[in-house]
Amino acid sequence: MRRLAVLGSLVLAVLALSAPAAFGQAATSGEHSDNMEFVKNLPYELRNGATEITGTDIEFTRIGGRQYALAGSYKNGMQIVDITNPRNSQIVAVYDCGVTQGDVQVFRQASKPGRVFVSYASDTFGDGTSTCYQEAAALGFDVLKPTGQGRNGSFIAEITDPLHPKTVSFVDVTQGTHNGTIHPSGNYLYNSNSDLIVNSPTPAIEVFDISNFAAPVKVKELPLPTFPGLGTESHDITFKSDGTRAYSAALSQGVVINTENPADPSIISTWPDPAINVWHQMDPYTTTDASGRERTFLLAEDEVAGAAGGPVCPSGGFHVYDVTGELEKNPQKVGYWNIDDVGFSGEATGTCTAHVFRIHQREQVMTAAFYNGGVRVVDLSGLTGISLGSTQVAGEGMKEIGYYRMPDADTWSAKTPQIDRKTGDFYLFGNDIRRGLDIYHYSGAGKKSKNPGKWMNAEEARVALADRPAPGTAGTTYVCLLDD
């Protein structure tokens, strides 16, 4: 999410944490739980006029028996990192693409067996001269605006040979691609442009058929209803693994979409929540409760004020909705969770709001980035006992079980490709705006975080967040009341 300058100021008489390390000299230790270890930092080479690293999203893939992390950035291209042995991780190639956003999606297509592809998002800036633009132009795509700047949208690159990524297609989107989500079939790209309402009064999700790389074609625009606030364009979309549903965080609303026919999606439900300032990401989590009933929850993250900054920690957290069965037509809020690092965020222009996360359903674990709040590991197993309304049958909702917070952290995304089912161990990869790629190790047998965070049921959350800024408006950053 681009940082939106809409957040009001809040003055705190609190001493700052240690000053951030100078650019290119990332700190190597910080505050952490006993079960988290810092392993390594990989800074990125500055390219295409960039003056900062600006790491963004990250994804993973296994090719030829080796594991790779694919880390996006502003202007510096997609870093292809061999993480087969995480402690010896190395940047082995760069997909040179001078764009801003760098959202990454890995996919395959049944019609192209054995080949691996990524989409790479260009939102508001494109230099028009870096390798991805040159390669797309050589394929016959019109990649330049009349001004000479590069067009925006989604580049598609083949990484079957990870050491030599190459552009194979370009999806031109006038409003740009903030996040481009590939349907599990690999044949459709759903575009989220995340534009503000002043720039996009008729919000919609654009759907492109990308089965023929030589000629991507838009097959539908799915209109979204408008709600008061920042805007109602889709910020991002997550598909259910079988491809039959998609879930969009659309700035001022949540959206459940029927994607059984991915070329012709339809809306199942949309809903605002006055407690959410900016809907940023929303992912499904399915579990089985004590009675044996399968439950599906949606975890929606609030990126307060578009991460515009503010000295208070914590800011936005996670809102949880039950969409089991018929409830997907009318999602019901069951709770809210946030970290409990209460106080000054570390710097006046810093931000400590939840951001890009990933859910590991089988292990009942979520990993999340919190900008200068660092990286967090969260136990989701307590959601199995959550009920509707103000009564909680059993369980603890969500709780933090691990964290690592560098003094110069500004972490955009925090994910792991897999968790060891026997030990619970995993390596966590944080793509950081200042630092580049940070690698951490989480020990399943280690002592859990002493700071579980605060879980509230739906009514408690409504009361606690009632005085916060309205969706998408300026205001004072709130701090959750964390005392029981």
Protein backbone atom coordinates (compact mmCIF):
# COMPACT_ATOMS: atom_id res chain seq x y z
CA MET A 1 0.00 0.00 0.00
CA ARG A 2 1.48 3.33 -0.91
CA ARG A 3 1.81 5.62 2.08
CA LEU A 4 -1.05 8.09 2.11
CA ALA A 5 -0.52 11.44 3.78
CA VAL A 6 -3.83 11.53 5.64
CA LEU A 7 -2.81 10.86 9.23
CA GLY A 8 -3.05 13.62 11.81
CA SER A 9 -0.35 14.21 14.40
CA LEU A 10 -0.03 12.98 17.94
CA VAL A 11 2.61 14.28 20.34
CA LEU A 12 4.00 11.89 22.93
CA ALA A 13 6.42 12.75 25.69
CA VAL A 14 8.33 9.53 25.26
CA LEU A 15 12.02 9.04 24.62
CA ALA A 16 12.94 7.71 21.19
CA LEU A 17 14.41 4.28 20.68
CA SER A 18 17.95 4.09 19.37
CA ALA A 19 18.38 5.96 16.10
CA PRO A 20 18.06 3.93 12.90
CA ALA A 21 21.25 2.67 11.34
CA ALA A 22 22.57 4.54 8.33
CA PHE A 23 21.52 3.38 4.88
CA GLY A 24 23.46 0.29 3.85
CA GLN A 25 24.47 -0.46 7.45
CA ALA A 26 21.54 -2.44 8.74
CA ALA A 27 21.44 -3.26 12.43
CA THR A 28 22.25 -6.89 13.24
CA SER A 29 20.45 -7.23 16.55
CA GLY A 30 17.28 -5.98 18.12
CA GLU A 31 14.51 -6.72 20.58
CA HIS A 32 13.07 -10.24 20.23
CA SER A 33 11.40 -13.20 21.88
CA ASP A 34 13.62 -16.07 23.04
CA ASN A 35 12.45 -18.31 20.21
CA MET A 36 13.48 -15.90 17.42
CA GLU A 37 17.01 -15.61 16.04
CA PHE A 38 18.34 -13.14 13.47
CA VAL A 39 20.22 -15.02 10.74
CA LYS A 40 21.21 -12.69 7.92
CA ASN A 41 20.54 -9.46 6.03
CA LEU A 42 20.81 -9.07 2.25
CA PRO A 43 20.71 -5.45 1.01
CA TYR A 44 19.69 -4.73 -2.59
CA GLU A 45 21.74 -3.03 -5.28
CA LEU A 46 20.22 0.36 -6.13
CA ARG A 47 19.03 0.52 -9.74
CA ASN A 48 17.10 2.74 -12.13
CA GLY A 49 17.61 5.94 -10.17
CA ALA A 50 16.49 4.52 -6.83
CA THR A 51 17.92 6.12 -3.71
CA GLU A 52 16.46 3.60 -1.25
CA ILE A 53 16.10 -0.18 -1.06
CA THR A 54 12.31 -0.10 -0.57
CA GLY A 55 11.62 -3.82 -0.30
CA THR A 56 7.95 -4.71 -0.83
CA ASP A 57 6.23 -8.08 -1.30
CA ILE A 58 7.83 -11.53 -1.26
CA GLU A 59 6.89 -14.96 -2.62
CA PHE A 60 8.60 -18.34 -2.94
CA THR A 61 9.02 -21.15 -5.43
CA ARG A 62 10.95 -24.40 -5.83
CA ILE A 63 12.69 -24.95 -9.18
CA GLY A 64 15.08 -27.75 -10.07
CA GLY A 65 15.35 -28.93 -6.47
CA ARG A 66 16.27 -25.50 -5.12
CA GLN A 67 14.15 -23.06 -3.12
CA TYR A 68 13.95 -19.40 -4.14
CA ALA A 69 12.57 -16.24 -2.57
CA LEU A 70 11.30 -13.61 -4.99
CA ALA A 71 11.45 -10.21 -3.33
CA GLY A 72 9.92 -7.13 -4.92
CA SER A 73 11.08 -3.55 -4.54
CA TYR A 74 10.52 0.01 -5.71
CA LYS A 75 12.63 0.56 -8.86
CA ASN A 76 15.35 -1.95 -7.90
CA GLY A 77 13.61 -4.91 -9.51
CA MET A 78 12.70 -8.35 -8.24
CA GLN A 79 15.48 -9.96 -6.24
CA ILE A 80 15.83 -13.69 -6.94
CA VAL A 81 17.34 -15.22 -3.81
CA ASP A 82 18.51 -18.82 -3.46
CA ILE A 83 17.30 -19.81 0.02
CA THR A 84 17.85 -23.57 -0.29
CA ASN A 85 20.13 -23.23 2.70
CA PRO A 86 18.63 -20.17 4.41
CA ARG A 87 21.77 -19.42 6.42
CA ASN A 88 23.75 -19.20 3.20
CA SER A 89 21.11 -17.34 1.20
CA GLN A 90 22.40 -15.41 -1.79
CA ILE A 91 20.89 -13.03 -4.33
CA VAL A 92 21.60 -14.94 -7.54
CA ALA A 93 19.78 -12.77 -10.09
CA VAL A 94 17.62 -9.66 -10.44
CA TYR A 95 14.63 -9.18 -12.72
CA ASP A 96 15.50 -5.63 -13.72
CA CYS A 97 12.22 -3.71 -13.72
CA GLY A 98 12.22 -0.03 -12.77
CA VAL A 99 8.69 0.28 -11.41
CA THR A 100 7.02 1.20 -8.15
CA GLN A 101 5.11 -1.47 -6.28
CA GLY A 102 6.76 -4.77 -7.09
CA ASP A 103 3.93 -7.02 -5.95
CA VAL A 104 4.97 -10.59 -6.82
CA GLN A 105 2.80 -13.58 -7.77
CA VAL A 106 4.22 -16.98 -8.77
CA PHE A 107 2.16 -19.20 -11.05
CA ARG A 108 2.12 -22.04 -13.54
CA GLN A 109 -0.18 -22.91 -16.41
CA ALA A 110 -1.29 -26.42 -17.39
CA SER A 111 -0.81 -25.53 -21.07
CA LYS A 112 2.86 -24.74 -20.42
CA PRO A 113 4.09 -27.74 -18.39
CA GLY A 114 7.39 -27.46 -16.56
CA ARG A 115 7.56 -23.67 -16.84
CA VAL A 116 7.37 -21.17 -13.97
CA PHE A 117 6.16 -17.58 -14.22
CA VAL A 118 5.77 -14.49 -12.06
CA SER A 119 3.67 -11.37 -12.42
CA TYR A 120 5.32 -8.15 -11.31
CA ALA A 121 3.18 -5.09 -10.56
CA SER A 122 3.75 -1.55 -11.84
CA ASP A 123 1.45 0.94 -10.15
CA THR A 124 2.25 4.65 -10.39
CA PHE A 125 5.79 4.82 -11.83
CA GLY A 126 7.58 3.08 -14.66
CA ASP A 127 10.95 4.24 -15.99
CA GLY A 128 10.26 2.89 -19.46
CA THR A 129 13.94 2.03 -19.98
CA SER A 130 14.84 -0.86 -17.69
CA THR A 131 15.17 -4.42 -18.97
CA CYS A 132 11.53 -5.43 -18.44
CA TYR A 133 10.36 -2.54 -20.65
CA GLN A 134 12.94 -3.30 -23.33
CA GLU A 135 11.99 -6.98 -23.42
CA ALA A 136 8.24 -6.23 -23.53
CA ALA A 137 8.78 -3.75 -26.37
CA ALA A 138 10.77 -6.36 -28.30
CA LEU A 139 7.76 -8.68 -27.99
CA GLY A 140 5.58 -6.05 -29.65
CA PHE A 141 3.91 -4.48 -26.63
CA ASP A 142 3.36 -0.72 -26.50
CA VAL A 143 5.09 0.08 -23.21
CA LEU A 144 5.47 3.88 -23.33
CA LYS A 145 2.99 6.64 -22.52
CA PRO A 146 2.88 9.73 -24.78
CA THR A 147 5.04 11.44 -22.14
CA GLY A 148 7.80 8.89 -22.66
CA GLN A 149 7.32 7.35 -19.23
CA GLY A 150 6.64 3.65 -18.99
CA ARG A 151 3.08 2.36 -19.00
CA ASN A 152 1.78 0.68 -15.87
CA GLY A 153 0.17 -2.69 -15.29
CA SER A 154 1.61 -6.18 -14.79
CA PHE A 155 4.76 -7.57 -16.35
CA ILE A 156 4.87 -11.35 -16.69
CA ALA A 157 8.29 -12.97 -16.56
CA GLU A 158 9.43 -16.55 -16.96
CA ILE A 159 11.78 -17.80 -14.24
CA THR A 160 12.07 -21.45 -15.27
CA ASP A 161 15.77 -20.63 -15.35
CA PRO A 162 15.94 -18.49 -12.18
CA LEU A 163 19.36 -17.11 -13.10
CA HIS A 164 18.02 -15.66 -16.34
CA PRO A 165 14.52 -14.20 -15.86
CA LYS A 166 12.91 -12.87 -19.03
CA THR A 167 9.75 -10.93 -19.83
CA VAL A 168 7.13 -12.92 -21.73
CA SER A 169 4.10 -10.63 -21.54
CA PHE A 170 2.74 -7.28 -20.40
CA VAL A 171 -0.78 -6.47 -19.20
CA ASP A 172 -1.41 -2.77 -19.80
CA VAL A 173 -3.65 -1.23 -17.11
CA THR A 174 -4.33 2.50 -17.36
CA GLN A 175 -4.85 2.90 -13.60
CA GLY A 176 -1.87 0.66 -12.85
CA THR A 177 -1.51 -2.56 -10.88
CA HIS A 178 -1.10 -2.11 -7.15
CA ASN A 179 -1.56 -5.83 -6.62
CA GLY A 180 -2.11 -8.34 -9.40
CA THR A 181 -3.54 -11.65 -8.21
CA ILE A 182 -3.35 -14.77 -10.38
CA HIS A 183 -6.24 -17.25 -10.25
CA PRO A 184 -5.07 -20.77 -9.21
CA SER A 185 -5.57 -21.92 -12.82
CA GLY A 186 -2.83 -19.53 -13.87
CA ASN A 187 -5.01 -18.23 -16.69
CA TYR A 188 -6.57 -15.10 -15.17
CA LEU A 189 -5.16 -11.98 -13.55
CA TYR A 190 -7.39 -9.98 -11.21
CA ASN A 191 -6.20 -6.38 -11.00
CA SER A 192 -6.35 -4.22 -7.87
CA ASN A 193 -5.38 -0.59 -8.48
CA SER A 194 -6.06 0.72 -4.94
CA ASP A 195 -6.95 4.19 -6.25
CA LEU A 196 -8.54 6.82 -4.05
CA ILE A 197 -12.18 7.70 -4.60
CA VAL A 198 -11.19 11.14 -5.96
CA ASN A 199 -9.30 9.42 -8.77
CA SER A 200 -11.65 6.49 -9.32
CA PRO A 201 -15.34 7.29 -8.77
CA THR A 202 -16.49 4.04 -10.44
CA PRO A 203 -14.48 1.32 -8.67
CA ALA A 204 -14.10 -2.12 -10.24
CA ILE A 205 -11.86 -5.17 -10.34
CA GLU A 206 -10.46 -5.74 -13.85
CA VAL A 207 -10.19 -9.39 -14.93
CA PHE A 208 -7.70 -10.33 -17.67
CA ASP A 209 -7.36 -13.61 -19.55
CA ILE A 210 -3.59 -14.21 -19.66
CA SER A 211 -3.66 -17.74 -21.08
CA ASN A 212 -2.13 -16.38 -24.29
CA PHE A 213 0.87 -14.33 -23.20
CA ALA A 214 1.13 -12.73 -26.64
CA ALA A 215 -2.32 -11.17 -26.33
CA PRO A 216 -3.74 -10.68 -22.83
CA VAL A 217 -7.35 -9.54 -22.98
CA LYS A 218 -9.65 -7.92 -20.44
CA VAL A 219 -12.73 -10.13 -20.10
CA LYS A 220 -14.64 -8.33 -17.36
CA GLU A 221 -14.82 -5.40 -14.99
CA LEU A 222 -16.51 -6.38 -11.73
CA PRO A 223 -18.11 -3.21 -10.30
CA LEU A 224 -17.67 -2.57 -6.58
CA PRO A 225 -20.13 -0.56 -4.49
CA THR A 226 -18.98 2.76 -3.09
CA PHE A 227 -18.78 3.47 0.62
CA PRO A 228 -17.73 6.63 2.46
CA GLY A 229 -14.05 6.96 3.14
CA LEU A 230 -10.70 6.74 1.42
CA GLY A 231 -11.97 4.84 -1.59
CA THR A 232 -13.58 1.57 -2.57
CA GLU A 233 -11.21 0.21 -5.19
CA SER A 234 -9.69 -3.18 -4.42
CA HIS A 235 -6.36 -2.97 -2.67
CA ASP A 236 -5.60 -6.66 -2.92
CA ILE A 237 -7.25 -10.03 -3.55
CA THR A 238 -6.65 -13.53 -2.16
CA PHE A 239 -8.08 -16.65 -3.81
CA LYS A 240 -9.28 -19.74 -2.00
CA SER A 241 -6.92 -22.57 -2.96
CA ASP A 242 -9.53 -24.32 -5.12
CA GLY A 243 -10.19 -21.10 -7.04
CA THR A 244 -13.92 -20.93 -6.26
CA ARG A 245 -13.79 -17.83 -4.05
CA ALA A 246 -11.81 -14.62 -3.85
CA TYR A 247 -11.59 -12.17 -0.97
CA SER A 248 -10.79 -8.50 -1.50
CA ALA A 249 -9.78 -5.81 0.95
CA ALA A 250 -11.16 -2.77 -0.89
CA LEU A 251 -9.94 0.21 1.17
CA SER A 252 -13.35 0.98 2.75
CA GLN A 253 -14.97 -2.46 2.58
CA GLY A 254 -14.50 -6.20 2.54
CA VAL A 255 -15.68 -8.20 -0.49
CA VAL A 256 -16.45 -11.92 -0.99
CA ILE A 257 -16.46 -12.95 -4.66
CA ASN A 258 -17.73 -16.07 -6.42
CA THR A 259 -14.96 -17.12 -8.84
CA GLU A 260 -16.24 -20.56 -9.85
CA ASN A 261 -16.13 -19.15 -13.37
CA PRO A 262 -12.98 -17.03 -13.13
CA ALA A 263 -13.78 -15.19 -16.37
CA ASP A 264 -17.14 -14.07 -15.01
CA PRO A 265 -16.93 -13.45 -11.23
CA SER A 266 -19.83 -12.13 -9.16
CA ILE A 267 -20.08 -10.49 -5.76
CA ILE A 268 -21.48 -12.55 -2.90
CA SER A 269 -21.22 -9.90 -0.20
CA THR A 270 -19.65 -6.56 0.65
CA TRP A 271 -19.56 -4.83 4.01
CA PRO A 272 -17.93 -1.81 5.69
CA ASP A 273 -16.63 -1.80 9.26
CA PRO A 274 -16.36 1.58 11.04
CA ALA A 275 -13.51 0.16 13.13
CA ILE A 276 -11.28 -0.30 10.06
CA ASN A 277 -9.51 2.78 8.72
CA VAL A 278 -7.95 1.19 5.59
CA TRP A 279 -8.82 -2.35 4.45
CA HIS A 280 -5.46 -3.59 3.18
CA GLN A 281 -5.37 -7.41 3.07
CA MET A 282 -7.94 -10.09 3.84
CA ASP A 283 -7.24 -13.84 3.82
CA PRO A 284 -9.34 -16.92 4.66
CA TYR A 285 -8.59 -19.35 7.48
CA THR A 286 -10.48 -22.63 7.78
CA THR A 287 -10.37 -24.75 10.93
CA THR A 288 -12.47 -27.34 12.79
CA ASP A 289 -14.06 -26.53 16.14
CA ALA A 290 -14.54 -28.86 19.13
CA SER A 291 -17.86 -30.15 17.78
CA GLY A 292 -16.22 -31.22 14.51
CA ARG A 293 -17.80 -28.39 12.53
CA GLU A 294 -15.63 -26.77 9.87
CA ARG A 295 -15.43 -23.00 10.29
CA THR A 296 -14.12 -20.41 7.85
CA PHE A 297 -12.89 -17.06 9.10
CA LEU A 298 -11.60 -14.03 7.25
CA LEU A 299 -8.69 -12.12 8.79
CA ALA A 300 -8.70 -8.49 7.61
CA GLU A 301 -5.72 -6.27 8.34
CA ASP A 302 -6.11 -2.53 8.91
CA GLU A 303 -3.24 -0.46 7.52
CA VAL A 304 -4.18 2.69 9.41
CA ALA A 305 -3.95 5.82 7.24
CA GLY A 306 -2.16 3.89 4.51
CA ALA A 307 0.94 3.74 6.74
CA ALA A 308 1.32 7.50 6.44
CA GLY A 309 3.21 7.59 9.70
CA GLY A 310 2.55 8.35 13.32
CA PRO A 311 4.60 7.86 16.45
CA VAL A 312 2.27 5.48 18.30
CA CYS A 313 2.62 1.72 18.55
CA PRO A 314 0.47 -0.23 17.96
CA SER A 315 -1.74 1.19 15.25
CA GLY A 316 -3.81 -1.06 12.94
CA GLY A 317 -4.40 -4.71 13.80
CA PHE A 318 -6.47 -7.69 12.61
CA HIS A 319 -10.27 -7.91 12.43
CA VAL A 320 -11.84 -11.39 12.24
CA TYR A 321 -15.14 -12.36 10.56
CA ASP A 322 -17.03 -15.65 10.40
CA VAL A 323 -18.05 -16.56 6.82
CA THR A 324 -18.95 -20.20 7.41
CA GLY A 325 -21.68 -21.48 5.08
CA GLU A 326 -24.49 -18.98 4.62
CA LEU A 327 -22.57 -16.39 6.65
CA GLU A 328 -20.48 -15.58 3.57
CA LYS A 329 -23.56 -13.67 2.40
CA ASN A 330 -23.55 -11.67 5.63
CA PRO A 331 -20.14 -11.92 7.37
CA GLN A 332 -20.25 -11.63 11.15
CA LYS A 333 -17.44 -10.05 13.16
CA VAL A 334 -16.15 -12.26 15.96
CA GLY A 335 -13.11 -10.39 17.22
CA TYR A 336 -10.04 -8.20 16.90
CA TRP A 337 -6.34 -8.68 17.74
CA ASN A 338 -3.32 -6.43 17.93
CA ILE A 339 0.20 -6.52 19.32
CA ASP A 340 0.77 -5.01 22.75
CA ASP A 341 3.89 -2.92 22.14
CA VAL A 342 2.42 0.22 23.67
CA GLY A 343 4.33 3.49 23.38
CA PHE A 344 6.46 5.50 21.01
CA SER A 345 7.00 3.73 17.67
CA GLY A 346 10.65 4.76 17.48
CA GLU A 347 10.51 7.88 15.33
CA ALA A 348 8.09 10.70 14.63
CA THR A 349 7.43 9.65 11.03
CA GLY A 350 7.50 5.92 11.68
CA THR A 351 4.50 3.64 11.65
CA CYS A 352 3.59 0.55 13.62
CA THR A 353 0.59 -0.87 11.78
CA ALA A 354 -0.06 -4.40 10.58
CA HIS A 355 0.86 -5.01 6.95
CA VAL A 356 1.48 -7.97 4.62
CA PHE A 357 0.88 -11.35 6.27
CA ARG A 358 0.54 -15.04 5.44
CA ILE A 359 -1.59 -17.77 7.02
CA HIS A 360 -0.38 -21.37 7.32
CA GLN A 361 -3.67 -23.14 7.86
CA ARG A 362 -2.40 -26.63 8.64
CA GLU A 363 0.00 -25.35 11.30
CA GLN A 364 -2.51 -22.73 12.59
CA VAL A 365 0.15 -20.03 12.36
CA MET A 366 0.23 -16.55 10.83
CA THR A 367 3.33 -14.48 10.09
CA ALA A 368 2.99 -10.71 9.71
CA ALA A 369 4.99 -7.55 9.12
CA PHE A 370 4.32 -4.46 11.25
CA TYR A 371 6.59 -1.88 9.55
CA ASN A 372 8.84 -0.53 12.34
CA GLY A 373 7.07 -2.95 14.69
CA GLY A 374 9.16 -5.65 13.01
CA VAL A 375 7.99 -9.20 12.28
CA ARG A 376 5.46 -11.24 14.27
CA VAL A 377 4.47 -14.90 14.57
CA VAL A 378 0.87 -15.46 15.67
CA ASP A 379 -0.93 -18.59 16.93
CA LEU A 380 -4.39 -18.95 15.37
CA SER A 381 -5.44 -22.17 17.12
CA GLY A 382 -7.56 -20.28 19.65
CA LEU A 383 -9.99 -19.23 16.92
CA THR A 384 -11.55 -22.71 17.01
CA GLY A 385 -13.51 -21.79 20.14
CA ILE A 386 -14.73 -18.38 19.04
CA SER A 387 -18.48 -17.82 18.74
CA LEU A 388 -20.63 -15.03 17.42
CA GLY A 389 -21.70 -12.11 19.57
CA SER A 390 -20.16 -11.12 22.87
CA THR A 391 -19.76 -14.66 24.27
CA GLN A 392 -16.60 -16.66 23.75
CA VAL A 393 -17.14 -20.40 24.18
CA ALA A 394 -13.49 -21.36 24.55
CA GLY A 395 -10.08 -20.61 23.16
CA GLU A 396 -8.00 -17.45 23.19
CA GLY A 397 -8.63 -16.04 19.75
CA MET A 398 -5.19 -15.05 18.45
CA LYS A 399 -1.94 -14.60 20.34
CA GLU A 400 1.63 -13.65 19.51
CA ILE A 401 4.14 -16.45 20.03
CA GLY A 402 7.26 -14.87 18.51
CA TYR A 403 8.65 -11.53 17.34
CA TYR A 404 11.81 -9.75 16.22
CA ARG A 405 12.05 -5.95 16.05
CA MET A 406 15.17 -4.27 14.70
CA PRO A 407 15.81 -0.64 15.76
CA ASP A 408 15.83 0.39 12.07
CA ALA A 409 13.05 -1.96 10.94
CA ASP A 410 10.46 -0.89 8.37
CA THR A 411 9.22 -4.30 7.30
CA TRP A 412 6.69 -4.50 4.44
CA SER A 413 6.08 -8.27 4.31
CA ALA A 414 6.99 -11.27 6.46
CA LYS A 415 6.49 -14.80 5.13
CA THR A 416 7.91 -18.31 5.18
CA PRO A 417 7.62 -20.95 2.44
CA GLN A 418 7.08 -23.81 4.88
CA ILE A 419 6.91 -24.81 8.53
CA ASP A 420 8.42 -28.07 9.82
CA ARG A 421 5.40 -30.13 10.88
CA LYS A 422 7.37 -32.11 13.46
CA THR A 423 9.26 -29.31 15.20
CA GLY A 424 7.33 -26.17 14.30
CA ASP A 425 10.62 -24.58 13.20
CA PHE A 426 10.87 -22.28 10.20
CA TYR A 427 12.90 -19.51 8.61
CA LEU A 428 11.03 -16.22 8.33
CA PHE A 429 11.82 -13.80 5.50
CA GLY A 430 11.12 -10.11 6.02
CA ASN A 431 11.23 -7.82 2.99
CA ASP A 432 12.12 -4.47 4.49
CA ILE A 433 11.83 -0.96 3.07
CA ARG A 434 15.15 0.15 4.57
CA ARG A 435 17.07 -3.04 5.08
CA GLY A 436 16.37 -5.34 2.14
CA LEU A 437 15.86 -9.02 2.92
CA ASP A 438 16.07 -10.04 6.57
CA ILE A 439 16.18 -13.73 7.47
CA TYR A 440 15.11 -14.96 10.90
CA HIS A 441 14.76 -18.40 12.49
CA TYR A 442 11.78 -19.36 14.65
CA SER A 443 12.17 -22.30 17.04
CA GLY A 444 8.99 -24.23 17.71
CA ALA A 445 10.43 -25.61 20.95
CA GLY A 446 11.70 -22.23 22.14
CA LYS A 447 10.16 -20.07 24.83
CA LYS A 448 7.17 -18.21 23.42
CA SER A 449 6.77 -14.44 23.38
CA LYS A 450 5.89 -12.92 26.74
CA ASN A 451 3.63 -10.44 24.93
CA PRO A 452 0.64 -12.34 23.51
CA GLY A 453 -1.10 -9.17 22.34
CA LYS A 454 -4.72 -8.33 23.02
CA TRP A 455 -7.72 -10.29 21.74
CA MET A 456 -11.15 -8.67 21.98
CA ASN A 457 -14.53 -10.11 21.09
CA ALA A 458 -16.67 -8.16 18.62
CA GLU A 459 -18.42 -6.01 21.23
CA GLU A 460 -15.22 -5.21 23.12
CA ALA A 461 -13.57 -4.18 19.86
CA ARG A 462 -16.52 -1.98 18.89
CA VAL A 463 -16.28 -0.09 22.18
CA ALA A 464 -12.48 0.13 22.24
CA LEU A 465 -12.23 1.46 18.67
CA ALA A 466 -15.31 3.69 18.69
CA ASP A 467 -13.37 6.96 19.00
CA ARG A 468 -10.85 6.29 16.26
CA PRO A 469 -10.86 8.19 12.92
CA ALA A 470 -13.61 7.29 10.47
CA PRO A 471 -12.52 5.11 7.54
CA GLY A 472 -10.07 6.89 5.30
CA THR A 473 -10.04 10.18 7.21
CA ALA A 474 -7.31 12.05 9.03
CA GLY A 475 -7.15 11.81 12.79
CA THR A 476 -5.09 10.88 15.78
CA THR A 477 -3.58 7.42 15.81
CA TYR A 478 -5.19 5.36 18.53
CA VAL A 479 -3.59 3.00 20.99
CA CYS A 480 -5.62 -0.02 22.04
CA LEU A 481 -6.40 -0.29 25.74
CA LEU A 482 -4.48 -3.41 26.56
CA ASP A 483 -5.19 -3.73 30.27
CA ASP A 484 -7.64 -6.49 31.12
